[in-house]
Amino acid sequence: MGTIDFEGLQQNDAAAWGYFFETYAETFYRVARGYIPDPSDAEEMVSETFMKI
């Protein structure tokens, strides 16, 4: 696993955000599934979370 480019994230760099999503989306999903029983609802919550950050 590489390092997160926080400067790129702050500058809304698409590559930095793409890497961040690819690195953490599955982890966010697993956490969401611990609280949200429906898989599609958990996936939607993760998508909405990434859209807000």
PDB file of N, CA and C in Angstrom:
ATOM      1  N   MET A   1       0.843  -1.165   0.000  1.00  0.00           N
ATOM      2  CA  MET A   1       0.000   0.000   0.000  1.00  0.00           C
ATOM      3  C   MET A   1       0.893   1.235   0.000  1.00  0.00           C
ATOM      4  N   GLY A   2       0.583   2.178  -0.864  1.00  0.00           N
ATOM      5  CA  GLY A   2       1.343   3.420  -0.939  1.00  0.00           C
ATOM      6  C   GLY A   2       0.881   4.413   0.101  1.00  0.00           C
ATOM      7  N   THR A   3       1.316   5.618  -0.069  1.00  0.00           N
ATOM      8  CA  THR A   3       0.919   6.658   0.873  1.00  0.00           C
ATOM      9  C   THR A   3      -0.167   7.536   0.265  1.00  0.00           C
ATOM     10  N   ILE A   4      -0.980   8.063   1.123  1.00  0.00           N
ATOM     11  CA  ILE A   4      -2.063   8.944   0.697  1.00  0.00           C
ATOM     12  C   ILE A   4      -1.482  10.328   0.427  1.00  0.00           C
ATOM     13  N   ASP A   5      -1.841  10.897  -0.709  1.00  0.00           N
ATOM     14  CA  ASP A   5      -1.389  12.225  -1.104  1.00  0.00           C
ATOM     15  C   ASP A   5      -2.380  13.263  -0.551  1.00  0.00           C
ATOM     16  N   PHE A   6      -2.166  13.660   0.698  1.00  0.00           N
ATOM     17  CA  PHE A   6      -3.103  14.584   1.337  1.00  0.00           C
ATOM     18  C   PHE A   6      -3.115  15.943   0.647  1.00  0.00           C
ATOM     19  N   GLU A   7      -1.989  16.367   0.149  1.00  0.00           N
ATOM     20  CA  GLU A   7      -1.948  17.636  -0.586  1.00  0.00           C
ATOM     21  C   GLU A   7      -2.809  17.531  -1.846  1.00  0.00           C
ATOM     22  N   GLY A   8      -2.695  16.415  -2.532  1.00  0.00           N
ATOM     23  CA  GLY A   8      -3.518  16.193  -3.717  1.00  0.00           C
ATOM     24  C   GLY A   8      -5.001  16.151  -3.388  1.00  0.00           C
ATOM     25  N   LEU A   9      -5.337  15.540  -2.254  1.00  0.00           N
ATOM     26  CA  LEU A   9      -6.742  15.507  -1.828  1.00  0.00           C
ATOM     27  C   LEU A   9      -7.250  16.910  -1.563  1.00  0.00           C
ATOM     28  N   GLN A  10      -6.433  17.731  -0.890  1.00  0.00           N
ATOM     29  CA  GLN A  10      -6.833  19.104  -0.592  1.00  0.00           C
ATOM     30  C   GLN A  10      -7.019  19.918  -1.867  1.00  0.00           C
ATOM     31  N   GLN A  11      -6.267  19.568  -2.915  1.00  0.00           N
ATOM     32  CA  GLN A  11      -6.353  20.295  -4.177  1.00  0.00           C
ATOM     33  C   GLN A  11      -7.343  19.643  -5.144  1.00  0.00           C
ATOM     34  N   ASN A  12      -8.110  18.665  -4.637  1.00  0.00           N
ATOM     35  CA  ASN A  12      -9.104  17.943  -5.454  1.00  0.00           C
ATOM     36  C   ASN A  12      -8.511  17.271  -6.678  1.00  0.00           C
ATOM     37  N   ASP A  13      -7.316  16.715  -6.518  1.00  0.00           N
ATOM     38  CA  ASP A  13      -6.672  15.980  -7.600  1.00  0.00           C
ATOM     39  C   ASP A  13      -7.397  14.649  -7.817  1.00  0.00           C
ATOM     40  N   ALA A  14      -7.847  14.402  -9.034  1.00  0.00           N
ATOM     41  CA  ALA A  14      -8.633  13.209  -9.335  1.00  0.00           C
ATOM     42  C   ALA A  14      -7.848  11.931  -9.060  1.00  0.00           C
ATOM     43  N   ALA A  15      -6.576  11.908  -9.375  1.00  0.00           N
ATOM     44  CA  ALA A  15      -5.761  10.709  -9.141  1.00  0.00           C
ATOM     45  C   ALA A  15      -5.617  10.431  -7.652  1.00  0.00           C
ATOM     46  N   ALA A  16      -5.413  11.470  -6.861  1.00  0.00           N
ATOM     47  CA  ALA A  16      -5.293  11.303  -5.408  1.00  0.00           C
ATOM     48  C   ALA A  16      -6.600  10.777  -4.823  1.00  0.00           C
ATOM     49  N   TRP A  17      -7.730  11.320  -5.275  1.00  0.00           N
ATOM     50  CA  TRP A  17      -9.020  10.853  -4.784  1.00  0.00           C
ATOM     51  C   TRP A  17      -9.305   9.429  -5.254  1.00  0.00           C
ATOM     52  N   GLY A  18      -8.930   9.118  -6.474  1.00  0.00           N
ATOM     53  CA  GLY A  18      -9.112   7.760  -6.983  1.00  0.00           C
ATOM     54  C   GLY A  18      -8.334   6.746  -6.156  1.00  0.00           C
ATOM     55  N   TYR A  19      -7.095   7.078  -5.845  1.00  0.00           N
ATOM     56  CA  TYR A  19      -6.272   6.194  -5.019  1.00  0.00           C
ATOM     57  C   TYR A  19      -6.861   6.058  -3.618  1.00  0.00           C
ATOM     58  N   PHE A  20      -7.303   7.157  -3.039  1.00  0.00           N
ATOM     59  CA  PHE A  20      -7.905   7.134  -1.716  1.00  0.00           C
ATOM     60  C   PHE A  20      -9.132   6.216  -1.711  1.00  0.00           C
ATOM     61  N   PHE A  21      -9.985   6.371  -2.713  1.00  0.00           N
ATOM     62  CA  PHE A  21     -11.185   5.545  -2.805  1.00  0.00           C
ATOM     63  C   PHE A  21     -10.823   4.074  -2.964  1.00  0.00           C
ATOM     64  N   GLU A  22      -9.928   3.774  -3.888  1.00  0.00           N
ATOM     65  CA  GLU A  22      -9.529   2.383  -4.125  1.00  0.00           C
ATOM     66  C   GLU A  22      -8.904   1.761  -2.881  1.00  0.00           C
ATOM     67  N   THR A  23      -8.204   2.562  -2.100  1.00  0.00           N
ATOM     68  CA  THR A  23      -7.524   2.061  -0.911  1.00  0.00           C
ATOM     69  C   THR A  23      -8.487   1.821   0.244  1.00  0.00           C
ATOM     70  N   TYR A  24      -9.483   2.680   0.421  1.00  0.00           N
ATOM     71  CA  TYR A  24     -10.314   2.644   1.612  1.00  0.00           C
ATOM     72  C   TYR A  24     -11.773   2.262   1.413  1.00  0.00           C
ATOM     73  N   ALA A  25     -12.253   2.169   0.206  1.00  0.00           N
ATOM     74  CA  ALA A  25     -13.679   1.891  -0.028  1.00  0.00           C
ATOM     75  C   ALA A  25     -14.100   0.563   0.595  1.00  0.00           C
ATOM     76  N   GLU A  26     -13.306  -0.468   0.429  1.00  0.00           N
ATOM     77  CA  GLU A  26     -13.667  -1.779   0.978  1.00  0.00           C
ATOM     78  C   GLU A  26     -13.713  -1.747   2.508  1.00  0.00           C
ATOM     79  N   THR A  27     -12.786  -1.041   3.116  1.00  0.00           N
ATOM     80  CA  THR A  27     -12.779  -0.918   4.580  1.00  0.00           C
ATOM     81  C   THR A  27     -14.017  -0.166   5.055  1.00  0.00           C
ATOM     82  N   PHE A  28     -14.336   0.939   4.393  1.00  0.00           N
ATOM     83  CA  PHE A  28     -15.535   1.699   4.750  1.00  0.00           C
ATOM     84  C   PHE A  28     -16.777   0.810   4.609  1.00  0.00           C
ATOM     85  N   TYR A  29     -16.813   0.011   3.532  1.00  0.00           N
ATOM     86  CA  TYR A  29     -17.956  -0.868   3.292  1.00  0.00           C
ATOM     87  C   TYR A  29     -18.090  -1.902   4.414  1.00  0.00           C
ATOM     88  N   ARG A  30     -16.985  -2.524   4.814  1.00  0.00           N
ATOM     89  CA  ARG A  30     -17.028  -3.517   5.883  1.00  0.00           C
ATOM     90  C   ARG A  30     -17.527  -2.903   7.197  1.00  0.00           C
ATOM     91  N   VAL A  31     -17.079  -1.697   7.492  1.00  0.00           N
ATOM     92  CA  VAL A  31     -17.550  -1.010   8.697  1.00  0.00           C
ATOM     93  C   VAL A  31     -19.056  -0.737   8.575  1.00  0.00           C
ATOM     94  N   ALA A  32     -19.474  -0.249   7.429  1.00  0.00           N
ATOM     95  CA  ALA A  32     -20.894   0.046   7.213  1.00  0.00           C
ATOM     96  C   ALA A  32     -21.740  -1.211   7.373  1.00  0.00           C
ATOM     97  N   ARG A  33     -21.260  -2.332   6.852  1.00  0.00           N
ATOM     98  CA  ARG A  33     -22.013  -3.586   6.958  1.00  0.00           C
ATOM     99  C   ARG A  33     -22.164  -4.027   8.407  1.00  0.00           C
ATOM    100  N   GLY A  34     -21.275  -3.597   9.277  1.00  0.00           N
ATOM    101  CA  GLY A  34     -21.413  -3.906  10.692  1.00  0.00           C
ATOM    102  C   GLY A  34     -22.605  -3.203  11.321  1.00  0.00           C
ATOM    103  N   TYR A  35     -23.038  -2.108  10.699  1.00  0.00           N
ATOM    104  CA  TYR A  35     -24.156  -1.323  11.224  1.00  0.00           C
ATOM    105  C   TYR A  35     -25.407  -1.415  10.361  1.00  0.00           C
ATOM    106  N   ILE A  36     -25.221  -1.672   9.076  1.00  0.00           N
ATOM    107  CA  ILE A  36     -26.334  -1.666   8.124  1.00  0.00           C
ATOM    108  C   ILE A  36     -26.464  -3.062   7.518  1.00  0.00           C
ATOM    109  N   PRO A  37     -27.516  -3.793   7.843  1.00  0.00           N
ATOM    110  CA  PRO A  37     -27.626  -5.179   7.387  1.00  0.00           C
ATOM    111  C   PRO A  37     -27.795  -5.348   5.869  1.00  0.00           C
ATOM    112  N   ASP A  38     -28.440  -4.411   5.222  1.00  0.00           N
ATOM    113  CA  ASP A  38     -28.684  -4.544   3.782  1.00  0.00           C
ATOM    114  C   ASP A  38     -27.451  -4.118   2.989  1.00  0.00           C
ATOM    115  N   PRO A  39     -26.887  -5.018   2.166  1.00  0.00           N
ATOM    116  CA  PRO A  39     -25.663  -4.700   1.426  1.00  0.00           C
ATOM    117  C   PRO A  39     -25.786  -3.478   0.505  1.00  0.00           C
ATOM    118  N   SER A  40     -26.923  -3.338  -0.170  1.00  0.00           N
ATOM    119  CA  SER A  40     -27.061  -2.192  -1.082  1.00  0.00           C
ATOM    120  C   SER A  40     -27.178  -0.882  -0.312  1.00  0.00           C
ATOM    121  N   ASP A  41     -27.808  -0.918   0.853  1.00  0.00           N
ATOM    122  CA  ASP A  41     -27.884   0.291   1.687  1.00  0.00           C
ATOM    123  C   ASP A  41     -26.487   0.663   2.205  1.00  0.00           C
ATOM    124  N   ALA A  42     -25.707  -0.335   2.591  1.00  0.00           N
ATOM    125  CA  ALA A  42     -24.345  -0.074   3.065  1.00  0.00           C
ATOM    126  C   ALA A  42     -23.489   0.512   1.939  1.00  0.00           C
ATOM    127  N   GLU A  43     -23.632  -0.033   0.739  1.00  0.00           N
ATOM    128  CA  GLU A  43     -22.881   0.478  -0.405  1.00  0.00           C
ATOM    129  C   GLU A  43     -23.271   1.926  -0.715  1.00  0.00           C
ATOM    130  N   GLU A  44     -24.557   2.210  -0.638  1.00  0.00           N
ATOM    131  CA  GLU A  44     -25.030   3.572  -0.879  1.00  0.00           C
ATOM    132  C   GLU A  44     -24.477   4.541   0.167  1.00  0.00           C
ATOM    133  N   MET A  45     -24.445   4.096   1.416  1.00  0.00           N
ATOM    134  CA  MET A  45     -23.913   4.940   2.489  1.00  0.00           C
ATOM    135  C   MET A  45     -22.435   5.254   2.244  1.00  0.00           C
ATOM    136  N   VAL A  46     -21.677   4.257   1.810  1.00  0.00           N
ATOM    137  CA  VAL A  46     -20.260   4.476   1.520  1.00  0.00           C
ATOM    138  C   VAL A  46     -20.117   5.463   0.362  1.00  0.00           C
ATOM    139  N   SER A  47     -20.897   5.290  -0.676  1.00  0.00           N
ATOM    140  CA  SER A  47     -20.844   6.212  -1.814  1.00  0.00           C
ATOM    141  C   SER A  47     -21.166   7.636  -1.384  1.00  0.00           C
ATOM    142  N   GLU A  48     -22.202   7.789  -0.580  1.00  0.00           N
ATOM    143  CA  GLU A  48     -22.588   9.120  -0.109  1.00  0.00           C
ATOM    144  C   GLU A  48     -21.504   9.726   0.779  1.00  0.00           C
ATOM    145  N   THR A  49     -20.867   8.888   1.584  1.00  0.00           N
ATOM    146  CA  THR A  49     -19.785   9.372   2.442  1.00  0.00           C
ATOM    147  C   THR A  49     -18.631   9.911   1.600  1.00  0.00           C
ATOM    148  N   PHE A  50     -18.231   9.156   0.579  1.00  0.00           N
ATOM    149  CA  PHE A  50     -17.141   9.615  -0.271  1.00  0.00           C
ATOM    150  C   PHE A  50     -17.511  10.878  -1.044  1.00  0.00           C
ATOM    151  N   MET A  51     -18.774  11.005  -1.408  1.00  0.00           N
ATOM    152  CA  MET A  51     -19.197  12.213  -2.117  1.00  0.00           C
ATOM    153  C   MET A  51     -19.115  13.440  -1.215  1.00  0.00           C
ATOM    154  N   LYS A  52     -19.338  13.245   0.093  1.00  0.00           N
ATOM    155  CA  LYS A  52     -19.328  14.366   1.025  1.00  0.00           C
ATOM    156  C   LYS A  52     -17.932  14.771   1.462  1.00  0.00           C
ATOM    157  N   ILE A  53     -16.992  13.841   1.409  1.00  0.00           N
ATOM    158  CA  ILE A  53     -15.630  14.209   1.803  1.00  0.00           C
ATOM    159  C   ILE A  53     -14.873  14.540   0.573  1.00  0.00           C
TER     160      ILE A  53
END
